[in-house]
Amino acid sequence: MNTNMQTRPRKAGAFDNDVPKHNGQVRCAIYTRKSTEEGLDQEFNSLDAQREAGENHIASKKHEGWVCLPRHYDDGGFTGGNMERPALKRLMADVEAGEIDVVAVYKVDRISRSLLDFSRIIETFEQHNVSFVSVTQDFSTTNSMGRLTLNILLSFAQFEREIISERTRDKMSAARKKGKWVGGMLVLGYDRDEKGGRIVVNKREAERVRAIFELYLNLQSLIPVVEELNERGWKTKQWITKKDKVHGGKLFTKHYLYSLLTNIIYIGKIIYQGTIYEGEHEGIVAPEVWQKVQELLKKNGKGKGANVRNKHGALLKGLIHCIPCGKPMMHTYTIKKGGRRRYRYYVCMNAQQRGWDSCPSKSLNAHEIESAVVEHIRGLGSNEKLVAETVRQVREQSEKRWQELNREREAEETELKQLHSKLRQLAGEINPGQGNGSPVAARFADLQDRIRSTEQRVTQLREELLAVERESLDQNDLARALAIFDPVWESLNSREQSRIMHLLLDRVGYDGSTGKVTISFKSPGIKELARGRAEE
């Protein structure tokens, strides 16, 4: 820990023994602060006591021309862990306006509990020839010894808070290793036990969690599952904090779904620093189901299922959707009685779940739609207008995707700032008398976990934004990709063909009532295929 506060060069006389005077007077402001609002309604409260001590100290310096300014700078109910305090802001504004010569406080920690924040405050004082005085600690920055003492006191205060934080983290770490739930964001399927200290199964939500796992095993792609969950009106975990603040209860996103599917808490375990421990809570997903989902996610990545195992040669698996219903179409097959030949189909999920009358598309011959899509791609290469239109559509999709990612990034960064602000506030409230098991300490550890998770998501979003920017498409890219497609297509096996389709295509739509087929391409795959041509 660095105990030396680096500041800019002082102005002449800023902290010399002679405090600057204005018309023979040294204008003194008194700053007071109390972390909680408890007792502030009393006739003579802590803020009054602090101000009285400051007034008495200033009065003792009357012979040196010290006078107490009448304006009050009182922050009642504000932590010293940050600078978001109205009275402090007024004080700093008056300092910068040249209306104050000395700032007096009851104790150093009244003006700040953060060494970094305090160094900034003192730097501002120096720039405007303002001295700082601590009444009860009997020193001031009008002399070098007082300044040295100030640095030492602040360093020890910072050291004390860091030790408390380390002890809190150590205790939370030991609790996690024992499988205990130590607070944090609740997940779908569990509630906080009213007795405290553990989580219990929410039976209704647990059924939904199991259904989500099964849905992913069926669809084998994140986006279709998200679309289905939102269509059903299912929301993320919602709960109310002790301060009556509502968390969650939002529509599913791909990121939230991925986090849910990979959360080991659902099989009765917890993970800490890469090590898995048996949890005290009950699991709600069968371990073998959870493991199947992990293996599938590993194959598919966090994308749309480009690497889904495709033993039946379903080229459009994970890509094709029913336009009227807005639902994914699942690949299936039938075998006629006494025969060996499989007849493959794509079936609308809505028709499968709610009956054939609910969907105009119903089912679609897999071979016919796959052949039609392949022929469309082949025909693009000889039609410059279609190539230009396809490139325009892909660019629009990329721009839309960039805007979605950027909005999510901005929201996550705003959340991160709020979490850091809360953390600083809590750091100012922790004191040795509370102990590591106090509610404040538990909230402190919870905030640290949430900050790490949010920082990881922000980093991921920034990387995805850069990837979208790098994959900007032009007509030459598409032309090169199409030039590769036709000559080699027939020589590829079904797995390789499926990979090429998932590289090129973003989505295939089918409307059974009109027979219309829509195809949308995606930029990254086209660029990758085009680069493959360039490297040959």
Protein backbone atom coordinates (compact mmCIF):
# COMPACT_ATOMS: atom_id res chain seq x y z
CA MET A 1 0.00 0.00 0.00
CA ASN A 2 1.42 3.39 -0.96
CA THR A 3 1.17 5.84 1.94
CA ASN A 4 2.52 8.84 0.02
CA MET A 5 -0.14 11.06 -1.51
CA GLN A 6 1.22 12.67 -4.67
CA THR A 7 -0.10 16.17 -5.27
CA ARG A 8 0.63 19.00 -7.63
CA PRO A 9 3.22 21.67 -6.68
CA ARG A 10 1.85 23.99 -4.02
CA LYS A 11 1.19 27.61 -4.64
CA ALA A 12 3.34 29.96 -2.66
CA GLY A 13 2.18 30.10 0.95
CA ALA A 14 -0.49 27.42 0.53
CA PHE A 15 0.53 25.45 3.61
CA ASP A 16 3.03 27.69 5.27
CA ASN A 17 2.71 28.60 8.93
CA ASP A 18 0.94 31.84 8.04
CA VAL A 19 -2.58 31.14 6.80
CA PRO A 20 -3.62 33.59 4.03
CA LYS A 21 -5.92 36.33 5.29
CA HIS A 22 -8.62 38.36 3.60
CA ASN A 23 -9.12 41.85 5.02
CA GLY A 24 -7.33 40.69 8.16
CA GLN A 25 -9.61 37.64 8.59
CA VAL A 26 -9.15 33.89 8.13
CA ARG A 27 -12.50 32.59 6.88
CA CYS A 28 -13.21 29.18 8.42
CA ALA A 29 -15.82 26.67 7.26
CA ILE A 30 -16.90 23.71 9.41
CA TYR A 31 -17.83 20.41 7.72
CA THR A 32 -19.80 17.75 9.62
CA ARG A 33 -20.97 14.28 8.64
CA LYS A 34 -22.80 11.28 10.11
CA SER A 35 -23.11 7.95 8.27
CA THR A 36 -26.67 7.17 9.38
CA GLU A 37 -29.81 9.22 9.96
CA GLU A 38 -30.29 7.69 13.39
CA GLY A 39 -30.54 10.39 16.09
CA LEU A 40 -30.56 13.32 13.65
CA ASP A 41 -34.06 14.26 14.80
CA GLN A 42 -32.79 14.96 18.33
CA GLU A 43 -32.59 18.55 19.53
CA PHE A 44 -28.80 18.31 19.88
CA ASN A 45 -27.41 15.64 17.59
CA SER A 46 -24.00 14.45 16.42
CA LEU A 47 -23.77 17.10 13.69
CA ASP A 48 -24.45 19.82 16.27
CA ALA A 49 -21.75 18.39 18.55
CA GLN A 50 -19.22 18.34 15.71
CA ARG A 51 -20.01 21.92 14.74
CA GLU A 52 -19.78 23.13 18.33
CA ALA A 53 -16.30 21.58 18.67
CA GLY A 54 -15.27 23.31 15.44
CA GLU A 55 -16.64 26.67 16.57
CA ASN A 56 -14.77 26.40 19.88
CA HIS A 57 -11.51 25.61 18.06
CA ILE A 58 -11.96 28.57 15.72
CA ALA A 59 -12.76 30.82 18.67
CA SER A 60 -9.46 29.79 20.27
CA LYS A 61 -7.70 31.17 17.18
CA LYS A 62 -9.53 34.49 17.26
CA HIS A 63 -6.32 36.32 18.09
CA GLU A 64 -4.94 35.10 14.74
CA GLY A 65 -7.92 36.52 12.86
CA TRP A 66 -9.92 33.28 12.55
CA VAL A 67 -13.68 33.74 12.08
CA CYS A 68 -16.36 31.09 11.64
CA LEU A 69 -18.45 31.39 8.49
CA PRO A 70 -22.20 31.15 9.19
CA ARG A 71 -22.98 28.72 6.38
CA HIS A 72 -23.49 25.09 7.49
CA TYR A 73 -22.00 22.16 5.59
CA ASP A 74 -23.79 19.21 7.20
CA ASP A 75 -24.15 15.75 5.60
CA GLY A 76 -26.49 13.66 7.73
CA GLY A 77 -27.00 10.05 6.62
CA PHE A 78 -24.13 9.96 4.08
CA THR A 79 -21.19 7.57 4.01
CA GLY A 80 -17.61 8.81 3.95
CA GLY A 81 -16.67 6.10 1.45
CA ASN A 82 -17.37 8.30 -1.56
CA MET A 83 -17.80 11.97 -2.48
CA GLU A 84 -21.48 11.81 -3.46
CA ARG A 85 -22.58 14.14 -0.64
CA PRO A 86 -24.52 17.41 -1.18
CA ALA A 87 -22.88 19.43 1.61
CA LEU A 88 -19.39 18.30 0.57
CA LYS A 89 -20.12 19.38 -3.00
CA ARG A 90 -21.24 22.82 -1.76
CA LEU A 91 -18.08 23.06 0.34
CA MET A 92 -15.82 22.21 -2.60
CA ALA A 93 -17.65 24.69 -4.81
CA ASP A 94 -17.12 27.47 -2.24
CA VAL A 95 -13.45 26.49 -1.93
CA GLU A 96 -13.02 26.77 -5.68
CA ALA A 97 -14.83 30.11 -5.63
CA GLY A 98 -12.21 31.47 -3.19
CA GLU A 99 -14.68 32.02 -0.33
CA ILE A 100 -12.90 29.82 2.27
CA ASP A 101 -9.43 29.90 3.84
CA VAL A 102 -9.66 27.03 6.35
CA VAL A 103 -11.82 23.89 6.47
CA ALA A 104 -12.27 22.44 9.97
CA VAL A 105 -13.64 18.99 10.83
CA TYR A 106 -14.15 17.10 14.08
CA LYS A 107 -12.05 14.14 12.87
CA VAL A 108 -10.33 13.31 9.59
CA ASP A 109 -12.74 10.51 8.72
CA ARG A 110 -15.65 12.98 8.81
CA ILE A 111 -14.55 14.45 5.50
CA SER A 112 -13.52 11.13 3.90
CA ARG A 113 -12.89 7.47 4.67
CA SER A 114 -11.11 6.94 1.36
CA LEU A 115 -7.43 7.74 1.04
CA LEU A 116 -7.83 8.30 -2.70
CA ASP A 117 -10.80 10.65 -2.29
CA PHE A 118 -9.10 12.50 0.55
CA SER A 119 -5.97 13.06 -1.52
CA ARG A 120 -8.16 14.63 -4.23
CA ILE A 121 -9.85 16.88 -1.69
CA ILE A 122 -6.52 18.01 -0.23
CA GLU A 123 -5.18 18.64 -3.73
CA THR A 124 -8.12 20.95 -4.43
CA PHE A 125 -7.49 22.72 -1.11
CA GLU A 126 -3.84 23.22 -2.05
CA GLN A 127 -4.72 24.65 -5.44
CA HIS A 128 -6.90 27.30 -3.77
CA ASN A 129 -4.64 28.06 -0.75
CA VAL A 130 -7.06 26.45 1.72
CA SER A 131 -5.79 24.83 4.93
CA PHE A 132 -7.33 21.76 6.58
CA VAL A 133 -7.76 21.35 10.35
CA SER A 134 -8.81 18.33 12.43
CA VAL A 135 -10.09 19.65 15.77
CA THR A 136 -9.87 16.57 18.03
CA GLN A 137 -6.71 15.16 16.46
CA ASP A 138 -4.90 18.45 17.11
CA PHE A 139 -3.18 19.02 13.81
CA SER A 140 -3.61 21.00 10.65
CA THR A 141 -2.02 21.23 7.23
CA THR A 142 -0.71 24.68 8.07
CA ASN A 143 2.52 22.92 9.07
CA SER A 144 4.56 19.99 7.70
CA MET A 145 4.21 17.84 10.85
CA GLY A 146 0.44 18.06 10.67
CA ARG A 147 0.49 17.02 7.04
CA LEU A 148 2.70 14.01 7.82
CA THR A 149 0.40 13.00 10.68
CA LEU A 150 -2.59 13.33 8.37
CA ASN A 151 -1.07 10.96 5.80
CA ILE A 152 -0.27 8.40 8.48
CA LEU A 153 -3.77 8.52 9.96
CA LEU A 154 -5.44 8.14 6.59
CA SER A 155 -3.12 5.29 5.64
CA PHE A 156 -4.00 3.36 8.79
CA ALA A 157 -7.71 4.03 8.25
CA GLN A 158 -7.41 2.66 4.72
CA PHE A 159 -5.39 -0.31 6.01
CA GLU A 160 -8.06 -1.10 8.62
CA ARG A 161 -10.84 -1.16 6.00
CA GLU A 162 -8.78 -3.37 3.70
CA ILE A 163 -8.12 -5.84 6.53
CA ILE A 164 -11.86 -5.96 7.30
CA SER A 165 -12.62 -6.55 3.61
CA GLU A 166 -10.04 -9.35 3.42
CA ARG A 167 -11.49 -11.02 6.53
CA THR A 168 -14.97 -10.74 5.07
CA ARG A 169 -13.85 -12.35 1.81
CA ASP A 170 -12.03 -15.10 3.72
CA LYS A 171 -15.15 -15.92 5.71
CA MET A 172 -17.31 -15.96 2.59
CA SER A 173 -14.73 -18.21 0.92
CA ALA A 174 -14.79 -20.68 3.83
CA ALA A 175 -18.60 -20.70 3.76
CA ARG A 176 -18.68 -21.44 0.03
CA LYS A 177 -16.22 -24.30 0.44
CA LYS A 178 -18.65 -25.82 2.95
CA GLY A 179 -21.41 -25.59 0.37
CA LYS A 180 -23.23 -22.75 2.08
CA TRP A 181 -25.16 -20.06 0.25
CA VAL A 182 -23.78 -16.70 1.38
CA GLY A 183 -26.08 -14.34 -0.43
CA GLY A 184 -26.10 -12.83 -3.87
CA MET A 185 -28.39 -12.78 -6.87
CA LEU A 186 -31.15 -15.38 -6.58
CA VAL A 187 -31.60 -17.73 -9.55
CA LEU A 188 -34.76 -19.14 -11.08
CA GLY A 189 -35.89 -22.18 -9.12
CA TYR A 190 -34.79 -21.09 -5.65
CA ASP A 191 -35.95 -18.69 -2.92
CA ARG A 192 -34.13 -17.32 0.09
CA ASP A 193 -35.02 -19.28 3.24
CA GLU A 194 -37.04 -17.13 5.63
CA LYS A 195 -34.81 -18.40 8.45
CA GLY A 196 -31.78 -17.10 6.56
CA GLY A 197 -28.46 -18.64 5.62
CA ARG A 198 -29.65 -20.95 2.84
CA ILE A 199 -31.82 -21.28 -0.25
CA VAL A 200 -34.85 -23.52 -0.73
CA VAL A 201 -36.52 -24.91 -3.85
CA ASN A 202 -39.40 -22.96 -5.39
CA LYS A 203 -41.43 -25.89 -6.80
CA ARG A 204 -43.23 -23.90 -9.51
CA GLU A 205 -40.03 -22.32 -10.77
CA ALA A 206 -38.16 -25.63 -10.50
CA GLU A 207 -40.60 -27.16 -12.99
CA ARG A 208 -39.86 -24.34 -15.40
CA VAL A 209 -36.11 -24.79 -15.00
CA ARG A 210 -36.40 -28.48 -15.85
CA ALA A 211 -38.58 -27.59 -18.84
CA ILE A 212 -35.95 -25.10 -20.05
CA PHE A 213 -33.23 -27.76 -19.92
CA GLU A 214 -35.42 -30.19 -21.88
CA LEU A 215 -36.31 -27.47 -24.38
CA TYR A 216 -32.66 -26.82 -25.10
CA LEU A 217 -31.98 -30.54 -25.56
CA ASN A 218 -34.82 -30.62 -28.11
CA LEU A 219 -34.00 -27.42 -30.02
CA GLN A 220 -30.22 -27.58 -29.48
CA SER A 221 -29.87 -23.85 -30.03
CA LEU A 222 -30.06 -20.85 -27.67
CA ILE A 223 -31.95 -18.36 -29.84
CA PRO A 224 -34.93 -20.63 -30.60
CA VAL A 225 -35.21 -21.47 -26.89
CA VAL A 226 -35.15 -17.76 -25.97
CA GLU A 227 -37.85 -17.08 -28.54
CA GLU A 228 -40.01 -19.91 -27.20
CA LEU A 229 -39.62 -18.81 -23.56
CA ASN A 230 -40.54 -15.23 -24.40
CA GLU A 231 -43.48 -16.46 -26.47
CA ARG A 232 -44.71 -18.37 -23.40
CA GLY A 233 -44.32 -15.23 -21.30
CA TRP A 234 -41.81 -16.84 -18.95
CA LYS A 235 -39.65 -14.32 -17.09
CA THR A 236 -36.32 -14.36 -15.29
CA LYS A 237 -36.15 -14.74 -11.50
CA GLN A 238 -37.89 -11.93 -9.66
CA TRP A 239 -37.54 -11.07 -5.99
CA ILE A 240 -37.89 -8.08 -3.67
CA THR A 241 -35.00 -6.91 -1.49
CA LYS A 242 -35.28 -5.87 2.14
CA LYS A 243 -35.39 -2.28 0.86
CA ASP A 244 -38.44 -3.16 -1.30
CA LYS A 245 -36.48 -2.92 -4.55
CA VAL A 246 -37.65 -5.28 -7.30
CA HIS A 247 -34.98 -7.33 -9.09
CA GLY A 248 -35.41 -9.42 -12.25
CA GLY A 249 -38.73 -10.37 -13.77
CA LYS A 250 -37.55 -9.57 -17.30
CA LEU A 251 -37.73 -11.36 -20.64
CA PHE A 252 -35.09 -13.99 -21.31
CA THR A 253 -31.94 -13.08 -23.25
CA LYS A 254 -29.36 -15.39 -24.79
CA HIS A 255 -26.84 -14.36 -22.14
CA TYR A 256 -29.25 -15.07 -19.25
CA LEU A 257 -30.27 -18.41 -20.76
CA TYR A 258 -26.63 -19.47 -21.20
CA SER A 259 -25.91 -18.52 -17.57
CA LEU A 260 -28.91 -20.54 -16.41
CA LEU A 261 -27.99 -23.63 -18.42
CA THR A 262 -24.38 -23.60 -17.17
CA ASN A 263 -25.18 -22.89 -13.51
CA ILE A 264 -23.97 -25.85 -11.44
CA ILE A 265 -26.26 -24.81 -8.60
CA TYR A 266 -29.06 -26.74 -10.32
CA ILE A 267 -27.48 -30.13 -9.51
CA GLY A 268 -26.97 -29.28 -5.85
CA LYS A 269 -23.39 -28.04 -6.11
CA ILE A 270 -21.55 -24.74 -5.95
CA ILE A 271 -18.33 -23.58 -7.58
CA TYR A 272 -15.72 -21.35 -6.01
CA GLN A 273 -12.48 -20.28 -7.71
CA GLY A 274 -12.77 -23.12 -10.20
CA THR A 275 -13.36 -25.86 -7.61
CA ILE A 276 -16.73 -27.62 -7.28
CA TYR A 277 -18.16 -28.31 -3.80
CA GLU A 278 -21.26 -30.15 -2.61
CA GLY A 279 -23.93 -27.61 -1.73
CA GLU A 280 -26.29 -27.60 1.23
CA HIS A 281 -29.23 -26.95 -1.09
CA GLU A 282 -31.30 -29.50 -3.04
CA GLY A 283 -30.66 -29.94 -6.76
CA ILE A 284 -33.58 -29.57 -9.16
CA VAL A 285 -32.09 -30.92 -12.43
CA ALA A 286 -30.95 -34.49 -12.92
CA PRO A 287 -27.12 -34.61 -13.15
CA GLU A 288 -27.22 -36.61 -16.38
CA VAL A 289 -29.53 -34.02 -18.01
CA TRP A 290 -27.28 -31.17 -16.85
CA GLN A 291 -24.21 -32.95 -18.24
CA LYS A 292 -25.88 -33.54 -21.63
CA VAL A 293 -26.66 -29.84 -21.85
CA GLN A 294 -23.05 -28.92 -21.02
CA GLU A 295 -21.72 -31.22 -23.73
CA LEU A 296 -24.16 -29.80 -26.26
CA LEU A 297 -23.31 -26.21 -25.29
CA LYS A 298 -19.64 -27.01 -25.66
CA LYS A 299 -20.23 -28.30 -29.19
CA ASN A 300 -22.45 -25.39 -30.16
CA GLY A 301 -20.66 -22.61 -28.29
CA LYS A 302 -22.88 -19.66 -27.35
CA GLY A 303 -24.08 -19.17 -30.90
CA LYS A 304 -27.02 -20.55 -32.82
CA GLY A 305 -26.09 -24.20 -32.92
CA ALA A 306 -23.71 -24.24 -35.89
CA ASN A 307 -21.96 -27.35 -34.62
CA VAL A 308 -25.02 -29.32 -33.61
CA ARG A 309 -24.52 -33.03 -34.20
CA ASN A 310 -26.37 -33.77 -37.39
CA LYS A 311 -26.38 -37.51 -38.01
CA HIS A 312 -29.43 -37.32 -40.32
CA GLY A 313 -27.93 -34.69 -42.62
CA ALA A 314 -30.44 -31.96 -41.67
CA LEU A 315 -28.77 -28.97 -43.37
CA LEU A 316 -31.19 -26.42 -41.92
CA LYS A 317 -31.34 -27.72 -38.36
CA GLY A 318 -31.38 -24.71 -36.01
CA LEU A 319 -31.88 -22.32 -38.95
CA ILE A 320 -35.39 -22.81 -40.27
CA HIS A 321 -38.41 -21.07 -38.72
CA CYS A 322 -42.14 -20.99 -39.39
CA ILE A 323 -42.99 -17.45 -40.55
CA PRO A 324 -46.69 -17.35 -39.48
CA CYS A 325 -46.02 -18.78 -36.01
CA GLY A 326 -42.57 -17.29 -35.48
CA LYS A 327 -41.48 -20.63 -34.06
CA PRO A 328 -38.50 -22.85 -34.88
CA MET A 329 -39.08 -25.89 -37.08
CA MET A 330 -37.68 -29.11 -35.69
CA HIS A 331 -36.12 -31.83 -37.77
CA THR A 332 -37.75 -35.22 -37.60
CA TYR A 333 -38.31 -38.31 -39.76
CA THR A 334 -40.65 -41.25 -40.27
CA ILE A 335 -40.06 -44.79 -41.57
CA LYS A 336 -42.88 -46.42 -43.47
CA LYS A 337 -44.02 -49.77 -42.15
CA GLY A 338 -41.92 -52.58 -43.52
CA GLY A 339 -39.49 -50.17 -45.14
CA ARG A 340 -35.99 -48.99 -44.39
CA ARG A 341 -36.07 -45.57 -46.00
CA ARG A 342 -36.37 -42.51 -43.80
CA TYR A 343 -38.63 -39.63 -44.82
CA ARG A 344 -37.27 -36.42 -43.27
CA TYR A 345 -39.39 -33.39 -42.35
CA TYR A 346 -39.15 -30.04 -40.63
CA VAL A 347 -42.13 -29.63 -38.27
CA CYS A 348 -43.30 -26.35 -36.78
CA MET A 349 -42.91 -26.44 -33.02
CA ASN A 350 -46.25 -24.69 -32.59
CA ALA A 351 -48.02 -27.39 -34.62
CA GLN A 352 -46.27 -30.10 -32.67
CA GLN A 353 -47.24 -28.65 -29.28
CA ARG A 354 -50.69 -27.21 -29.96
CA GLY A 355 -51.97 -29.34 -32.80
CA TRP A 356 -51.86 -29.22 -36.62
CA ASP A 357 -54.77 -26.77 -36.87
CA SER A 358 -52.80 -24.09 -35.03
CA CYS A 359 -50.22 -23.66 -37.84
CA PRO A 360 -50.56 -23.14 -41.61
CA SER A 361 -47.04 -24.47 -42.23
CA LYS A 362 -47.36 -27.70 -40.23
CA SER A 363 -44.59 -29.80 -41.76
CA LEU A 364 -42.24 -29.42 -44.69
CA ASN A 365 -40.38 -32.01 -46.73
CA ALA A 366 -36.75 -31.65 -45.60
CA HIS A 367 -35.15 -32.69 -48.88
CA GLU A 368 -37.24 -30.25 -50.93
CA ILE A 369 -36.57 -27.16 -48.78
CA GLU A 370 -32.86 -27.99 -48.42
CA SER A 371 -32.51 -28.38 -52.20
CA ALA A 372 -34.35 -25.12 -52.79
CA VAL A 373 -32.04 -23.21 -50.41
CA VAL A 374 -28.91 -24.73 -51.98
CA GLU A 375 -30.07 -23.83 -55.49
CA HIS A 376 -30.85 -20.28 -54.38
CA ILE A 377 -27.30 -19.86 -53.05
CA ARG A 378 -25.86 -21.28 -56.25
CA GLY A 379 -27.94 -18.93 -58.37
CA LEU A 380 -26.79 -15.84 -56.49
CA GLY A 381 -23.32 -15.94 -58.04
CA SER A 382 -24.66 -15.19 -61.55
CA ASN A 383 -26.94 -12.31 -60.52
CA GLU A 384 -25.12 -9.10 -59.54
CA LYS A 385 -28.32 -7.37 -58.44
CA LEU A 386 -29.15 -10.20 -56.04
CA VAL A 387 -25.61 -10.11 -54.68
CA ALA A 388 -25.87 -6.35 -54.09
CA GLU A 389 -29.27 -6.71 -52.41
CA THR A 390 -28.01 -9.57 -50.25
CA VAL A 391 -25.01 -7.51 -49.13
CA ARG A 392 -27.32 -4.60 -48.25
CA GLN A 393 -29.53 -6.85 -46.13
CA VAL A 394 -26.54 -8.40 -44.37
CA ARG A 395 -25.18 -4.94 -43.55
CA GLU A 396 -28.56 -3.95 -42.09
CA GLN A 397 -28.57 -7.08 -39.94
CA SER A 398 -25.02 -6.38 -38.76
CA GLU A 399 -25.91 -2.78 -37.91
CA LYS A 400 -28.98 -3.94 -35.98
CA ARG A 401 -26.89 -6.49 -34.12
CA TRP A 402 -24.26 -3.85 -33.31
CA GLN A 403 -26.89 -1.50 -31.93
CA GLU A 404 -28.39 -4.27 -29.76
CA LEU A 405 -24.97 -5.18 -28.37
CA ASN A 406 -24.07 -1.55 -27.79
CA ARG A 407 -27.33 -0.88 -25.90
CA GLU A 408 -26.67 -3.90 -23.72
CA ARG A 409 -23.07 -2.76 -23.15
CA GLU A 410 -24.22 0.72 -22.10
CA ALA A 411 -26.78 -0.78 -19.73
CA GLU A 412 -24.18 -3.13 -18.19
CA GLU A 413 -21.65 -0.29 -17.79
CA THR A 414 -24.30 1.85 -16.08
CA GLU A 415 -25.06 -1.06 -13.77
CA LEU A 416 -21.33 -1.46 -13.10
CA LYS A 417 -21.00 2.19 -12.06
CA GLN A 418 -23.95 1.82 -9.71
CA LEU A 419 -22.47 -1.34 -8.19
CA HIS A 420 -19.11 0.39 -7.63
CA SER A 421 -20.90 3.32 -6.00
CA LYS A 422 -22.77 0.95 -3.67
CA LEU A 423 -19.51 -0.84 -2.87
CA ARG A 424 -17.79 2.41 -1.91
CA GLN A 425 -20.73 3.34 0.26
CA LEU A 426 -20.70 -0.02 2.05
CA ALA A 427 -16.92 0.16 2.50
CA GLY A 428 -17.45 3.39 4.42
CA GLU A 429 -20.05 1.73 6.67
CA ILE A 430 -17.93 -1.31 7.65
CA ASN A 431 -16.24 -0.99 11.03
CA PRO A 432 -14.43 -3.51 13.27
CA GLY A 433 -17.30 -3.67 15.77
CA GLN A 434 -19.71 -5.13 13.21
CA GLY A 435 -17.86 -8.39 12.68
CA ASN A 436 -17.47 -10.42 9.51
CA GLY A 437 -20.91 -11.99 9.82
CA SER A 438 -22.80 -8.71 9.79
CA PRO A 439 -25.43 -7.96 7.10
CA VAL A 440 -23.22 -5.15 5.78
CA ALA A 441 -20.29 -7.55 5.32
CA ALA A 442 -22.50 -10.05 3.50
CA ARG A 443 -23.79 -7.32 1.17
CA PHE A 444 -20.19 -6.23 0.58
CA ALA A 445 -19.19 -9.74 -0.59
CA ASP A 446 -22.35 -9.98 -2.71
CA LEU A 447 -21.55 -6.72 -4.47
CA GLN A 448 -18.01 -7.88 -5.20
CA ASP A 449 -19.38 -11.02 -6.89
CA ARG A 450 -21.88 -9.01 -8.92
CA ILE A 451 -19.15 -6.58 -10.01
CA ARG A 452 -16.92 -9.43 -11.23
CA SER A 453 -19.81 -10.98 -13.16
CA THR A 454 -20.82 -7.66 -14.73
CA GLU A 455 -17.22 -6.81 -15.65
CA GLN A 456 -16.91 -10.17 -17.44
CA ARG A 457 -20.11 -9.49 -19.39
CA VAL A 458 -18.94 -5.98 -20.36
CA THR A 459 -15.66 -7.42 -21.63
CA GLN A 460 -17.54 -10.05 -23.62
CA LEU A 461 -19.85 -7.44 -25.15
CA ARG A 462 -16.91 -5.24 -26.17
CA GLU A 463 -15.29 -8.21 -27.88
CA GLU A 464 -18.54 -9.02 -29.71
CA LEU A 465 -18.86 -5.39 -30.83
CA LEU A 466 -15.33 -5.43 -32.20
CA ALA A 467 -16.08 -8.72 -33.99
CA VAL A 468 -19.17 -7.21 -35.64
CA GLU A 469 -17.15 -4.17 -36.74
CA ARG A 470 -14.36 -6.34 -38.15
CA GLU A 471 -16.81 -8.43 -40.18
CA SER A 472 -18.09 -5.57 -42.31
CA LEU A 473 -19.18 -7.10 -45.64
CA ASP A 474 -18.77 -5.94 -49.24
CA GLN A 475 -19.84 -7.44 -52.57
CA ASN A 476 -16.38 -8.88 -53.27
CA ASP A 477 -16.56 -10.93 -50.04
CA LEU A 478 -19.89 -12.47 -51.03
CA ALA A 479 -18.75 -13.05 -54.60
CA ARG A 480 -15.64 -14.92 -53.39
CA ALA A 481 -17.70 -17.01 -50.96
CA LEU A 482 -20.20 -17.94 -53.67
CA ALA A 483 -17.36 -18.83 -56.03
CA ILE A 484 -16.20 -21.40 -53.51
CA PHE A 485 -19.66 -22.76 -52.74
CA ASP A 486 -20.76 -24.22 -56.10
CA PRO A 487 -17.65 -26.17 -57.19
CA VAL A 488 -17.02 -27.92 -53.87
CA TRP A 489 -20.57 -28.42 -52.54
CA GLU A 490 -21.18 -31.89 -53.96
CA SER A 491 -17.81 -33.17 -52.76
CA LEU A 492 -18.56 -32.34 -49.11
CA ASN A 493 -20.01 -34.81 -46.63
CA SER A 494 -23.24 -33.99 -44.77
CA ARG A 495 -21.45 -32.63 -41.71
CA GLU A 496 -19.27 -30.30 -43.82
CA GLN A 497 -22.31 -29.16 -45.82
CA SER A 498 -24.16 -28.39 -42.60
CA ARG A 499 -21.20 -26.35 -41.37
CA ILE A 500 -21.14 -24.32 -44.61
CA MET A 501 -24.87 -23.63 -44.35
CA HIS A 502 -24.48 -22.40 -40.77
CA LEU A 503 -21.55 -20.24 -41.84
CA LEU A 504 -23.51 -18.54 -44.61
CA LEU A 505 -27.06 -18.39 -43.29
CA ASP A 506 -28.53 -16.53 -40.38
CA ARG A 507 -32.12 -17.70 -40.79
CA VAL A 508 -34.47 -19.47 -43.20
CA GLY A 509 -38.17 -18.64 -42.99
CA TYR A 510 -41.04 -20.73 -44.42
CA ASP A 511 -44.70 -19.72 -44.81
CA GLY A 512 -46.88 -22.76 -45.43
CA SER A 513 -49.91 -20.67 -46.43
CA THR A 514 -48.11 -19.02 -49.37
CA GLY A 515 -45.17 -21.35 -49.96
CA LYS A 516 -42.83 -18.36 -49.51
CA VAL A 517 -39.25 -18.99 -48.41
CA THR A 518 -37.02 -16.20 -47.08
CA ILE A 519 -33.27 -16.49 -46.59
CA SER A 520 -31.02 -14.15 -44.63
CA PHE A 521 -27.23 -14.35 -44.65
CA LYS A 522 -24.70 -13.39 -42.00
CA SER A 523 -21.49 -11.48 -42.42
CA PRO A 524 -18.94 -13.40 -40.27
CA GLY A 525 -19.50 -16.72 -42.07
CA ILE A 526 -19.31 -15.13 -45.51
CA LYS A 527 -16.05 -13.42 -44.54
CA GLU A 528 -14.65 -16.69 -43.22
CA LEU A 529 -15.57 -18.56 -46.38
CA ALA A 530 -14.14 -15.76 -48.53
CA ARG A 531 -10.87 -15.83 -46.57
CA GLY A 532 -10.69 -19.57 -47.14
CA ARG A 533 -10.76 -18.87 -50.90
CA ALA A 534 -8.05 -16.22 -50.56
CA GLU A 535 -5.81 -18.62 -48.65
CA GLU A 536 -6.02 -21.38 -51.27
